[in-house]
C-alpha atoms as a PDB file:
ATOM      1  CA  GLU A   1      45.224  60.508 -39.100  1.00  0.00           C
ATOM      2  CA  LEU A   2      46.795  58.111 -36.619  1.00  0.00           C
ATOM      3  CA  ASP A   3      47.955  61.042 -34.453  1.00  0.00           C
ATOM      4  CA  SER A   4      44.413  62.395 -34.214  1.00  0.00           C
ATOM      5  CA  ILE A   5      43.090  58.980 -33.155  1.00  0.00           C
ATOM      6  CA  ILE A   6      45.787  58.728 -30.486  1.00  0.00           C
ATOM      7  CA  SER A   7      44.881  62.215 -29.258  1.00  0.00           C
ATOM      8  CA  ILE A   8      41.220  61.241 -28.970  1.00  0.00           C
ATOM      9  CA  ILE A   9      42.113  58.100 -27.023  1.00  0.00           C
ATOM     10  CA  LYS A  10      44.316  60.117 -24.644  1.00  0.00           C
ATOM     11  CA  LEU A  11      41.547  62.647 -24.036  1.00  0.00           C
ATOM     12  CA  GLU A  12      38.994  59.937 -23.336  1.00  0.00           C
ATOM     13  CA  SER A  13      41.319  58.126 -20.954  1.00  0.00           C
ATOM     14  CA  LYS A  14      41.975  61.360 -19.014  1.00  0.00           C
ATOM     15  CA  GLU A  15      38.265  61.678 -18.329  1.00  0.00           C
ATOM     16  CA  ILE A  16      38.211  58.386 -16.412  1.00  0.00           C
ATOM     17  CA  LYS A  17      39.557  59.338 -13.014  1.00  0.00           C
ATOM     18  CA  PHE A  18      37.756  57.000 -10.631  1.00  0.00           C
ATOM     19  CA  ILE A  19      36.937  53.300 -10.579  1.00  0.00           C
ATOM     20  CA  ASP A  20      34.896  51.180  -8.190  1.00  0.00           C
ATOM     21  CA  GLY A  21      36.964  49.732  -5.380  1.00  0.00           C
ATOM     22  CA  PHE A  22      37.219  49.377  -1.616  1.00  0.00           C
ATOM     23  CA  THR A  23      38.831  51.060   1.381  1.00  0.00           C
ATOM     24  CA  ILE A  24      39.106  49.955   4.992  1.00  0.00           C
ATOM     25  CA  GLN A  25      37.790  52.336   7.620  1.00  0.00           C
ATOM     26  CA  ILE A  26      39.593  51.785  10.922  1.00  0.00           C
ATOM     27  CA  TYR A  27      38.107  54.673  12.904  1.00  0.00           C
ATOM     28  CA  LEU A  28      34.850  56.617  12.952  1.00  0.00           C
ATOM     29  CA  GLY A  29      34.086  59.092  15.703  1.00  0.00           C
ATOM     30  CA  ASP A  30      33.919  62.714  16.765  1.00  0.00           C
ATOM     31  CA  SER A  31      37.377  62.908  18.374  1.00  0.00           C
ATOM     32  CA  ARG A  32      40.183  64.320  16.280  1.00  0.00           C
ATOM     33  CA  LEU A  33      42.708  63.119  18.852  1.00  0.00           C
ATOM     34  CA  GLU A  34      41.430  59.532  18.653  1.00  0.00           C
ATOM     35  CA  ALA A  35      41.515  59.682  14.841  1.00  0.00           C
ATOM     36  CA  GLU A  36      45.134  60.846  14.911  1.00  0.00           C
ATOM     37  CA  GLU A  37      45.984  58.106  17.427  1.00  0.00           C
ATOM     38  CA  ALA A  38      44.379  55.459  15.201  1.00  0.00           C
ATOM     39  CA  LYS A  39      46.352  56.705  12.205  1.00  0.00           C
ATOM     40  CA  GLU A  40      49.575  56.688  14.234  1.00  0.00           C
ATOM     41  CA  LYS A  41      48.861  53.171  15.525  1.00  0.00           C
ATOM     42  CA  LEU A  42      48.348  51.997  11.949  1.00  0.00           C
ATOM     43  CA  GLN A  43      51.685  53.530  10.920  1.00  0.00           C
ATOM     44  CA  LEU A  44      53.420  51.736  13.794  1.00  0.00           C
ATOM     45  CA  LEU A  45      51.891  48.413  12.709  1.00  0.00           C
ATOM     46  CA  ASP A  46      52.931  48.820   9.080  1.00  0.00           C
ATOM     47  CA  SER A  47      54.899  51.831   7.926  1.00  0.00           C
ATOM     48  CA  LEU A  48      54.163  51.054   4.265  1.00  0.00           C
ATOM     49  CA  ILE A  49      50.389  51.431   4.646  1.00  0.00           C
ATOM     50  CA  SER A  50      49.097  54.855   3.718  1.00  0.00           C
ATOM     51  CA  SER A  51      46.094  56.259   5.527  1.00  0.00           C
ATOM     52  CA  LYS A  52      44.151  59.469   5.670  1.00  0.00           C
ATOM     53  CA  ILE A  53      41.927  61.295   8.101  1.00  0.00           C
ATOM     54  CA  ILE A  54      38.706  62.606   6.607  1.00  0.00           C
ATOM     55  CA  PHE A  55      36.473  65.059   8.439  1.00  0.00           C
ATOM     56  CA  THR A  56      32.800  65.150   7.527  1.00  0.00           C
ATOM     57  CA  GLN A  57      31.007  67.102  10.179  1.00  0.00           C
ATOM     58  CA  PRO A  58      30.623  65.916  12.907  1.00  0.00           C
ATOM     59  CA  ASN A  59      32.798  62.810  12.397  1.00  0.00           C
ATOM     60  CA  TYR A  60      36.401  61.947  11.713  1.00  0.00           C
ATOM     61  CA  ARG A  61      37.175  58.865   9.682  1.00  0.00           C
ATOM     62  CA  VAL A  62      40.510  57.124   9.250  1.00  0.00           C
ATOM     63  CA  LYS A  63      40.687  55.143   6.029  1.00  0.00           C
ATOM     64  CA  THR A  64      43.394  53.089   4.437  1.00  0.00           C
ATOM     65  CA  GLY A  65      43.887  51.350   1.121  1.00  0.00           C
ATOM     66  CA  GLY A  66      42.594  51.721  -2.359  1.00  0.00           C
ATOM     67  CA  PHE A  67      41.770  48.156  -3.286  1.00  0.00           C
ATOM     68  CA  LEU A  68      40.492  47.278  -6.737  1.00  0.00           C
ATOM     69  CA  ASP A  69      38.851  44.042  -5.632  1.00  0.00           C
ATOM     70  CA  ARG A  70      37.205  42.662  -2.511  1.00  0.00           C
ATOM     71  CA  PHE A  71      39.707  39.801  -2.220  1.00  0.00           C
ATOM     72  CA  ASN A  72      42.690  42.101  -1.581  1.00  0.00           C
ATOM     73  CA  ALA A  73      40.642  44.326   0.703  1.00  0.00           C
ATOM     74  CA  ASN A  74      39.558  41.294   2.724  1.00  0.00           C
ATOM     75  CA  TYR A  75      43.164  40.074   3.052  1.00  0.00           C
ATOM     76  CA  GLU A  76      44.279  43.405   4.593  1.00  0.00           C
ATOM     77  CA  PHE A  77      41.060  43.665   6.597  1.00  0.00           C
ATOM     78  CA  LYS A  78      41.730  40.371   8.389  1.00  0.00           C
ATOM     79  CA  LYS A  79      45.133  41.667   9.530  1.00  0.00           C
ATOM     80  CA  LEU A  80      43.766  45.021  10.690  1.00  0.00           C
ATOM     81  CA  LYS A  81      40.663  43.659  12.422  1.00  0.00           C
ATOM     82  CA  LYS A  82      42.817  42.268  15.265  1.00  0.00           C
ATOM     83  CA  GLU A  83      44.076  45.739  16.184  1.00  0.00           C
ATOM     84  CA  PHE A  84      41.018  47.721  15.105  1.00  0.00           C
ATOM     85  CA  PRO A  85      37.898  45.741  16.090  1.00  0.00           C
ATOM     86  CA  ASN A  86      35.553  48.362  14.599  1.00  0.00           C
ATOM     87  CA  ALA A  87      37.221  48.237  11.177  1.00  0.00           C
ATOM     88  CA  ILE A  88      34.946  47.767   8.170  1.00  0.00           C
ATOM     89  CA  ILE A  89      35.363  47.425   4.413  1.00  0.00           C
ATOM     90  CA  ILE A  90      33.687  50.221   2.480  1.00  0.00           C
ATOM     91  CA  PRO A  91      32.883  50.234  -1.254  1.00  0.00           C
ATOM     92  CA  GLU A  92      34.315  53.459  -2.606  1.00  0.00           C
ATOM     93  CA  LYS A  93      35.413  55.174  -5.784  1.00  0.00           C
ATOM     94  CA  ILE A  94      39.193  54.854  -6.105  1.00  0.00           C
ATOM     95  CA  LYS A  95      41.097  57.638  -7.825  1.00  0.00           C
ATOM     96  CA  ILE A  96      43.380  56.514 -10.618  1.00  0.00           C
ATOM     97  CA  ASN A  97      46.077  58.455 -12.459  1.00  0.00           C
END
């Protein structure tokens, strides 16, 4: 009986794959080259920060972070805003494992 309850809990927890969170968008524009340059600049600033380029026609976006709360997102945002003046914090669904 306990094994079946554990199985049910595991199945239910696998269904939850996203939670509400925040990302920081450091670039938005129609130039792939500029998006790649922004991503490279971010890597040079902090090699531990992961980022991704997302293409949604006609724009490229460079986003970083998967913050669970606004406080942590704001902390990183303040550091990035100096180098990326157009950076903004975006509410987004964050994928969890």
